[in-house]
ModelCIF file with pLDDT and N, C-alpha, C, O atoms, coordinates in Angstrom:
data_MODEL
#
_entry.id   MODEL 
#
_entity.id                         1 
_entity.type                       polymer 
_entity.pdbx_number_of_molecules   1 
#
_entity_poly.entity_id                      1 
_entity_poly.type                           'polypeptide(L)' 
_entity_poly.nstd_linkage                   no 
_entity_poly.nstd_monomer                   no 
_entity_poly.pdbx_seq_one_letter_code       NPCSVSQWAAVEALNGTQDFLAPNNETFVRRRDL 
_entity_poly.pdbx_seq_one_letter_code_can   NPCSVSQWAAVEALNGTQDFLAPNNETFVRRRDL 
_entity_poly.pdbx_strand_id                 A 
#
loop_
_entity_poly_seq.entity_id 
_entity_poly_seq.num 
_entity_poly_seq.mon_id 
_entity_poly_seq.hetero 
1 1  ASN n 
1 2  PRO n 
1 3  CYS n 
1 4  SER n 
1 5  VAL n 
1 6  SER n 
1 7  GLN n 
1 8  TRP n 
1 9  ALA n 
1 10 ALA n 
1 11 VAL n 
1 12 GLU n 
1 13 ALA n 
1 14 LEU n 
1 15 ASN n 
1 16 GLY n 
1 17 THR n 
1 18 GLN n 
1 19 ASP n 
1 20 PHE n 
1 21 LEU n 
1 22 ALA n 
1 23 PRO n 
1 24 ASN n 
1 25 ASN n 
1 26 GLU n 
1 27 THR n 
1 28 PHE n 
1 29 VAL n 
1 30 ARG n 
1 31 ARG n 
1 32 ARG n 
1 33 ASP n 
1 34 LEU n 
#
_struct_asym.id          A 
_struct_asym.entity_id   1 
#
loop_
_ma_qa_metric.id 
_ma_qa_metric.mode 
_ma_qa_metric.name 
_ma_qa_metric.software_group_id 
_ma_qa_metric.type 
1 global pLDDT . pLDDT 
2 local  pLDDT . pLDDT 
#
_ma_qa_metric_global.metric_id      1 
_ma_qa_metric_global.metric_value   97.76 
_ma_qa_metric_global.model_id       1 
_ma_qa_metric_global.ordinal_id     1 
#
loop_
_ma_qa_metric_local.label_asym_id 
_ma_qa_metric_local.label_comp_id 
_ma_qa_metric_local.label_seq_id 
_ma_qa_metric_local.metric_id 
_ma_qa_metric_local.metric_value 
_ma_qa_metric_local.model_id 
_ma_qa_metric_local.ordinal_id 
A ASN 1  2 98.00 1 1  
A PRO 2  2 98.00 1 2  
A CYS 3  2 98.00 1 3  
A SER 4  2 98.00 1 4  
A VAL 5  2 98.00 1 5  
A SER 6  2 98.00 1 6  
A GLN 7  2 98.00 1 7  
A TRP 8  2 98.00 1 8  
A ALA 9  2 98.00 1 9  
A ALA 10 2 98.00 1 10 
A VAL 11 2 98.00 1 11 
A GLU 12 2 98.00 1 12 
A ALA 13 2 98.00 1 13 
A LEU 14 2 98.00 1 14 
A ASN 15 2 98.00 1 15 
A GLY 16 2 98.00 1 16 
A THR 17 2 98.00 1 17 
A GLN 18 2 97.00 1 18 
A ASP 19 2 97.00 1 19 
A PHE 20 2 97.00 1 20 
A LEU 21 2 97.00 1 21 
A ALA 22 2 97.00 1 22 
A PRO 23 2 97.00 1 23 
A ASN 24 2 97.00 1 24 
A ASN 25 2 97.00 1 25 
A GLU 26 2 98.00 1 26 
A THR 27 2 98.00 1 27 
A PHE 28 2 98.00 1 28 
A VAL 29 2 98.00 1 29 
A ARG 30 2 98.00 1 30 
A ARG 31 2 98.00 1 31 
A ARG 32 2 98.00 1 32 
A ASP 33 2 98.00 1 33 
A LEU 34 2 98.00 1 34 
#
loop_
_atom_site.group_PDB 
_atom_site.id 
_atom_site.type_symbol 
_atom_site.label_atom_id 
_atom_site.label_alt_id 
_atom_site.label_comp_id 
_atom_site.label_asym_id 
_atom_site.label_entity_id 
_atom_site.label_seq_id 
_atom_site.pdbx_PDB_ins_code 
_atom_site.Cartn_x 
_atom_site.Cartn_y 
_atom_site.Cartn_z 
_atom_site.occupancy 
_atom_site.B_iso_or_equiv 
_atom_site.pdbx_formal_charge 
_atom_site.auth_seq_id 
_atom_site.auth_comp_id 
_atom_site.auth_asym_id 
_atom_site.auth_atom_id 
_atom_site.pdbx_PDB_model_num 
ATOM 1   N N  . ASN A 1 1  ? 0.802   -1.231 0.000   1.00 98.00 ? 1  ASN A N  1 
ATOM 2   C CA . ASN A 1 1  ? 0.000   0.000  0.000   1.00 98.00 ? 1  ASN A CA 1 
ATOM 3   C C  . ASN A 1 1  ? 0.833   1.277  0.000   1.00 98.00 ? 1  ASN A C  1 
ATOM 4   O O  . ASN A 1 1  ? 1.941   1.311  0.535   1.00 98.00 ? 1  ASN A O  1 
ATOM 5   N N  . PRO A 1 2  ? 0.279   2.333  -0.613  1.00 98.00 ? 2  PRO A N  1 
ATOM 6   C CA . PRO A 1 2  ? 0.895   3.664  -0.467  1.00 98.00 ? 2  PRO A CA 1 
ATOM 7   C C  . PRO A 1 2  ? 0.777   4.124  0.989   1.00 98.00 ? 2  PRO A C  1 
ATOM 8   O O  . PRO A 1 2  ? 0.015   3.552  1.770   1.00 98.00 ? 2  PRO A O  1 
ATOM 9   N N  . CYS A 1 3  ? 1.525   5.147  1.339   1.00 98.00 ? 3  CYS A N  1 
ATOM 10  C CA . CYS A 1 3  ? 1.510   5.686  2.696   1.00 98.00 ? 3  CYS A CA 1 
ATOM 11  C C  . CYS A 1 3  ? 0.073   5.976  3.150   1.00 98.00 ? 3  CYS A C  1 
ATOM 12  O O  . CYS A 1 3  ? -0.669  6.676  2.463   1.00 98.00 ? 3  CYS A O  1 
ATOM 13  N N  . SER A 1 4  ? -0.309  5.436  4.302   1.00 98.00 ? 4  SER A N  1 
ATOM 14  C CA . SER A 1 4  ? -1.688  5.581  4.783   1.00 98.00 ? 4  SER A CA 1 
ATOM 15  C C  . SER A 1 4  ? -2.050  7.044  5.037   1.00 98.00 ? 4  SER A C  1 
ATOM 16  O O  . SER A 1 4  ? -3.146  7.481  4.684   1.00 98.00 ? 4  SER A O  1 
ATOM 17  N N  . VAL A 1 5  ? -1.149  7.794  5.639   1.00 98.00 ? 5  VAL A N  1 
ATOM 18  C CA . VAL A 1 5  ? -1.423  9.199  5.951   1.00 98.00 ? 5  VAL A CA 1 
ATOM 19  C C  . VAL A 1 5  ? -1.584  10.013 4.667   1.00 98.00 ? 5  VAL A C  1 
ATOM 20  O O  . VAL A 1 5  ? -2.456  10.876 4.571   1.00 98.00 ? 5  VAL A O  1 
ATOM 21  N N  . SER A 1 6  ? -0.735  9.725  3.688   1.00 98.00 ? 6  SER A N  1 
ATOM 22  C CA . SER A 1 6  ? -0.839  10.421 2.406   1.00 98.00 ? 6  SER A CA 1 
ATOM 23  C C  . SER A 1 6  ? -2.171  10.122 1.720   1.00 98.00 ? 6  SER A C  1 
ATOM 24  O O  . SER A 1 6  ? -2.734  10.984 1.047   1.00 98.00 ? 6  SER A O  1 
ATOM 25  N N  . GLN A 1 7  ? -2.665  8.910  1.891   1.00 98.00 ? 7  GLN A N  1 
ATOM 26  C CA . GLN A 1 7  ? -3.953  8.578  1.284   1.00 98.00 ? 7  GLN A CA 1 
ATOM 27  C C  . GLN A 1 7  ? -5.074  9.430  1.864   1.00 98.00 ? 7  GLN A C  1 
ATOM 28  O O  . GLN A 1 7  ? -5.935  9.916  1.131   1.00 98.00 ? 7  GLN A O  1 
ATOM 29  N N  . TRP A 1 8  ? -5.062  9.609  3.183   1.00 98.00 ? 8  TRP A N  1 
ATOM 30  C CA . TRP A 1 8  ? -6.099  10.440 3.789   1.00 98.00 ? 8  TRP A CA 1 
ATOM 31  C C  . TRP A 1 8  ? -5.966  11.902 3.367   1.00 98.00 ? 8  TRP A C  1 
ATOM 32  O O  . TRP A 1 8  ? -6.968  12.598 3.205   1.00 98.00 ? 8  TRP A O  1 
ATOM 33  N N  . ALA A 1 9  ? -4.744  12.360 3.192   1.00 98.00 ? 9  ALA A N  1 
ATOM 34  C CA . ALA A 1 9  ? -4.542  13.712 2.668   1.00 98.00 ? 9  ALA A CA 1 
ATOM 35  C C  . ALA A 1 9  ? -5.109  13.832 1.261   1.00 98.00 ? 9  ALA A C  1 
ATOM 36  O O  . ALA A 1 9  ? -5.708  14.850 0.913   1.00 98.00 ? 9  ALA A O  1 
ATOM 37  N N  . ALA A 1 10 ? -4.921  12.786 0.444   1.00 98.00 ? 10 ALA A N  1 
ATOM 38  C CA . ALA A 1 10 ? -5.421  12.799 -0.938  1.00 98.00 ? 10 ALA A CA 1 
ATOM 39  C C  . ALA A 1 10 ? -6.949  12.780 -0.975  1.00 98.00 ? 10 ALA A C  1 
ATOM 40  O O  . ALA A 1 10 ? -7.547  13.373 -1.872  1.00 98.00 ? 10 ALA A O  1 
ATOM 41  N N  . VAL A 1 11 ? -7.589  12.112 -0.018  1.00 98.00 ? 11 VAL A N  1 
ATOM 42  C CA . VAL A 1 11 ? -9.051  12.159 0.074   1.00 98.00 ? 11 VAL A CA 1 
ATOM 43  C C  . VAL A 1 11 ? -9.517  13.603 0.199   1.00 98.00 ? 11 VAL A C  1 
ATOM 44  O O  . VAL A 1 11 ? -10.451 14.024 -0.483  1.00 98.00 ? 11 VAL A O  1 
ATOM 45  N N  . GLU A 1 12 ? -8.857  14.359 1.076   1.00 98.00 ? 12 GLU A N  1 
ATOM 46  C CA . GLU A 1 12 ? -9.219  15.767 1.254   1.00 98.00 ? 12 GLU A CA 1 
ATOM 47  C C  . GLU A 1 12 ? -8.898  16.576 0.002   1.00 98.00 ? 12 GLU A C  1 
ATOM 48  O O  . GLU A 1 12 ? -9.654  17.476 -0.365  1.00 98.00 ? 12 GLU A O  1 
ATOM 49  N N  . ALA A 1 13 ? -7.780  16.262 -0.657  1.00 98.00 ? 13 ALA A N  1 
ATOM 50  C CA . ALA A 1 13 ? -7.417  16.989 -1.882  1.00 98.00 ? 13 ALA A CA 1 
ATOM 51  C C  . ALA A 1 13 ? -8.514  16.858 -2.933  1.00 98.00 ? 13 ALA A C  1 
ATOM 52  O O  . ALA A 1 13 ? -8.891  17.843 -3.568  1.00 98.00 ? 13 ALA A O  1 
ATOM 53  N N  . LEU A 1 14 ? -9.020  15.656 -3.114  1.00 98.00 ? 14 LEU A N  1 
ATOM 54  C CA . LEU A 1 14 ? -10.017 15.424 -4.158  1.00 98.00 ? 14 LEU A CA 1 
ATOM 55  C C  . LEU A 1 14 ? -11.411 15.879 -3.742  1.00 98.00 ? 14 LEU A C  1 
ATOM 56  O O  . LEU A 1 14 ? -12.167 16.394 -4.567  1.00 98.00 ? 14 LEU A O  1 
ATOM 57  N N  . ASN A 1 15 ? -11.757 15.694 -2.466  1.00 98.00 ? 15 ASN A N  1 
ATOM 58  C CA . ASN A 1 15 ? -13.111 16.026 -2.003  1.00 98.00 ? 15 ASN A CA 1 
ATOM 59  C C  . ASN A 1 15 ? -13.251 17.455 -1.500  1.00 98.00 ? 15 ASN A C  1 
ATOM 60  O O  . ASN A 1 15 ? -14.349 18.011 -1.497  1.00 98.00 ? 15 ASN A O  1 
ATOM 61  N N  . GLY A 1 16 ? -12.134 18.051 -1.072  1.00 98.00 ? 16 GLY A N  1 
ATOM 62  C CA . GLY A 1 16 ? -12.186 19.366 -0.447  1.00 98.00 ? 16 GLY A CA 1 
ATOM 63  C C  . GLY A 1 16 ? -12.231 20.511 -1.434  1.00 98.00 ? 16 GLY A C  1 
ATOM 64  O O  . GLY A 1 16 ? -12.435 20.306 -2.630  1.00 98.00 ? 16 GLY A O  1 
ATOM 65  N N  . THR A 1 17 ? -12.040 21.715 -0.930  1.00 98.00 ? 17 THR A N  1 
ATOM 66  C CA . THR A 1 17 ? -12.102 22.908 -1.772  1.00 98.00 ? 17 THR A CA 1 
ATOM 67  C C  . THR A 1 17 ? -11.048 22.864 -2.884  1.00 98.00 ? 17 THR A C  1 
ATOM 68  O O  . THR A 1 17 ? -9.932  22.378 -2.702  1.00 98.00 ? 17 THR A O  1 
ATOM 69  N N  . GLN A 1 18 ? -11.447 23.382 -4.019  1.00 97.00 ? 18 GLN A N  1 
ATOM 70  C CA . GLN A 1 18 ? -10.538 23.504 -5.160  1.00 97.00 ? 18 GLN A CA 1 
ATOM 71  C C  . GLN A 1 18 ? -10.241 24.984 -5.444  1.00 97.00 ? 18 GLN A C  1 
ATOM 72  O O  . GLN A 1 18 ? -9.753  25.328 -6.520  1.00 97.00 ? 18 GLN A O  1 
ATOM 73  N N  . ASP A 1 19 ? -10.536 25.839 -4.487  1.00 97.00 ? 19 ASP A N  1 
ATOM 74  C CA . ASP A 1 19 ? -10.453 27.288 -4.700  1.00 97.00 ? 19 ASP A CA 1 
ATOM 75  C C  . ASP A 1 19 ? -9.037  27.785 -4.977  1.00 97.00 ? 19 ASP A C  1 
ATOM 76  O O  . ASP A 1 19 ? -8.863  28.835 -5.596  1.00 97.00 ? 19 ASP A O  1 
ATOM 77  N N  . PHE A 1 20 ? -8.039  27.056 -4.535  1.00 97.00 ? 20 PHE A N  1 
ATOM 78  C CA . PHE A 1 20 ? -6.656  27.498 -4.713  1.00 97.00 ? 20 PHE A CA 1 
ATOM 79  C C  . PHE A 1 20 ? -6.149  27.269 -6.138  1.00 97.00 ? 20 PHE A C  1 
ATOM 80  O O  . PHE A 1 20 ? -5.120  27.826 -6.522  1.00 97.00 ? 20 PHE A O  1 
ATOM 81  N N  . LEU A 1 21 ? -6.858  26.458 -6.925  1.00 97.00 ? 21 LEU A N  1 
ATOM 82  C CA . LEU A 1 21 ? -6.365  26.121 -8.264  1.00 97.00 ? 21 LEU A CA 1 
ATOM 83  C C  . LEU A 1 21 ? -6.306  27.355 -9.169  1.00 97.00 ? 21 LEU A C  1 
ATOM 84  O O  . LEU A 1 21 ? -5.315  27.558 -9.871  1.00 97.00 ? 21 LEU A O  1 
ATOM 85  N N  . ALA A 1 22 ? -7.346  28.171 -9.160  1.00 97.00 ? 22 ALA A N  1 
ATOM 86  C CA . ALA A 1 22 ? -7.397  29.340 -10.052 1.00 97.00 ? 22 ALA A CA 1 
ATOM 87  C C  . ALA A 1 22 ? -6.289  30.350 -9.749  1.00 97.00 ? 22 ALA A C  1 
ATOM 88  O O  . ALA A 1 22 ? -5.598  30.769 -10.677 1.00 97.00 ? 22 ALA A O  1 
ATOM 89  N N  . PRO A 1 23 ? -6.089  30.760 -8.498  1.00 97.00 ? 23 PRO A N  1 
ATOM 90  C CA . PRO A 1 23 ? -4.979  31.695 -8.244  1.00 97.00 ? 23 PRO A CA 1 
ATOM 91  C C  . PRO A 1 23 ? -3.610  31.086 -8.530  1.00 97.00 ? 23 PRO A C  1 
ATOM 92  O O  . PRO A 1 23 ? -2.713  31.788 -8.998  1.00 97.00 ? 23 PRO A O  1 
ATOM 93  N N  . ASN A 1 24 ? -3.433  29.804 -8.261  1.00 97.00 ? 24 ASN A N  1 
ATOM 94  C CA . ASN A 1 24 ? -2.165  29.158 -8.608  1.00 97.00 ? 24 ASN A CA 1 
ATOM 95  C C  . ASN A 1 24 ? -1.924  29.215 -10.110 1.00 97.00 ? 24 ASN A C  1 
ATOM 96  O O  . ASN A 1 24 ? -0.813  29.486 -10.567 1.00 97.00 ? 24 ASN A O  1 
ATOM 97  N N  . ASN A 1 25 ? -2.988  28.955 -10.872 1.00 97.00 ? 25 ASN A N  1 
ATOM 98  C CA . ASN A 1 25 ? -2.854  28.994 -12.331 1.00 97.00 ? 25 ASN A CA 1 
ATOM 99  C C  . ASN A 1 25 ? -2.537  30.396 -12.839 1.00 97.00 ? 25 ASN A C  1 
ATOM 100 O O  . ASN A 1 25 ? -1.793  30.555 -13.807 1.00 97.00 ? 25 ASN A O  1 
ATOM 101 N N  . GLU A 1 26 ? -3.097  31.406 -12.192 1.00 98.00 ? 26 GLU A N  1 
ATOM 102 C CA . GLU A 1 26 ? -2.772  32.783 -12.573 1.00 98.00 ? 26 GLU A CA 1 
ATOM 103 C C  . GLU A 1 26 ? -1.277  33.043 -12.404 1.00 98.00 ? 26 GLU A C  1 
ATOM 104 O O  . GLU A 1 26 ? -0.650  33.706 -13.230 1.00 98.00 ? 26 GLU A O  1 
ATOM 105 N N  . THR A 1 27 ? -0.728  32.514 -11.330 1.00 98.00 ? 27 THR A N  1 
ATOM 106 C CA . THR A 1 27 ? 0.715   32.658 -11.095 1.00 98.00 ? 27 THR A CA 1 
ATOM 107 C C  . THR A 1 27 ? 1.512   31.939 -12.174 1.00 98.00 ? 27 THR A C  1 
ATOM 108 O O  . THR A 1 27 ? 2.504   32.469 -12.675 1.00 98.00 ? 27 THR A O  1 
ATOM 109 N N  . PHE A 1 28 ? 1.082   30.739 -12.531 1.00 98.00 ? 28 PHE A N  1 
ATOM 110 C CA . PHE A 1 28 ? 1.782   29.978 -13.564 1.00 98.00 ? 28 PHE A CA 1 
ATOM 111 C C  . PHE A 1 28 ? 1.717   30.680 -14.925 1.00 98.00 ? 28 PHE A C  1 
ATOM 112 O O  . PHE A 1 28 ? 2.694   30.680 -15.674 1.00 98.00 ? 28 PHE A O  1 
ATOM 113 N N  . VAL A 1 29 ? 0.573   31.271 -15.238 1.00 98.00 ? 29 VAL A N  1 
ATOM 114 C CA . VAL A 1 29 ? 0.438   31.979 -16.519 1.00 98.00 ? 29 VAL A CA 1 
ATOM 115 C C  . VAL A 1 29 ? 1.401   33.163 -16.566 1.00 98.00 ? 29 VAL A C  1 
ATOM 116 O O  . VAL A 1 29 ? 2.058   33.396 -17.581 1.00 98.00 ? 29 VAL A O  1 
ATOM 117 N N  . ARG A 1 30 ? 1.480   33.903 -15.474 1.00 98.00 ? 30 ARG A N  1 
ATOM 118 C CA . ARG A 1 30 ? 2.403   35.039 -15.434 1.00 98.00 ? 30 ARG A CA 1 
ATOM 119 C C  . ARG A 1 30 ? 3.847   34.575 -15.621 1.00 98.00 ? 30 ARG A C  1 
ATOM 120 O O  . ARG A 1 30 ? 4.611   35.195 -16.360 1.00 98.00 ? 30 ARG A O  1 
ATOM 121 N N  . ARG A 1 31 ? 4.209   33.511 -14.967 1.00 98.00 ? 31 ARG A N  1 
ATOM 122 C CA . ARG A 1 31 ? 5.566   32.979 -15.091 1.00 98.00 ? 31 ARG A CA 1 
ATOM 123 C C  . ARG A 1 31 ? 5.817   32.445 -16.497 1.00 98.00 ? 31 ARG A C  1 
ATOM 124 O O  . ARG A 1 31 ? 6.880   32.674 -17.073 1.00 98.00 ? 31 ARG A O  1 
ATOM 125 N N  . ARG A 1 32 ? 4.842   31.737 -17.041 1.00 98.00 ? 32 ARG A N  1 
ATOM 126 C CA . ARG A 1 32 ? 4.988   31.224 -18.413 1.00 98.00 ? 32 ARG A CA 1 
ATOM 127 C C  . ARG A 1 32 ? 5.240   32.354 -19.394 1.00 98.00 ? 32 ARG A C  1 
ATOM 128 O O  . ARG A 1 32 ? 6.148   32.281 -20.222 1.00 98.00 ? 32 ARG A O  1 
ATOM 129 N N  . ASP A 1 33 ? 4.431   33.398 -19.296 1.00 98.00 ? 33 ASP A N  1 
ATOM 130 C CA . ASP A 1 33 ? 4.559   34.505 -20.239 1.00 98.00 ? 33 ASP A CA 1 
ATOM 131 C C  . ASP A 1 33 ? 5.906   35.211 -20.100 1.00 98.00 ? 33 ASP A C  1 
ATOM 132 O O  . ASP A 1 33 ? 6.485   35.655 -21.091 1.00 98.00 ? 33 ASP A O  1 
ATOM 133 N N  . LEU A 1 34 ? 6.399   35.312 -18.867 1.00 98.00 ? 34 LEU A N  1 
ATOM 134 C CA . LEU A 1 34 ? 7.713   35.909 -18.629 1.00 98.00 ? 34 LEU A CA 1 
ATOM 135 C C  . LEU A 1 34 ? 8.805   35.098 -19.329 1.00 98.00 ? 34 LEU A C  1 
ATOM 136 O O  . LEU A 1 34 ? 9.983   35.446 -19.244 1.00 98.00 ? 34 LEU A O  1 
#
């Protein structure tokens, strides 16, 4: 099995808020364009 603690963290990653994705992507776009 994969790490048990990491699995529970991944449950939250998939089920929890996704609000951080958009601002992270804005940062990546700025860096890409640079």
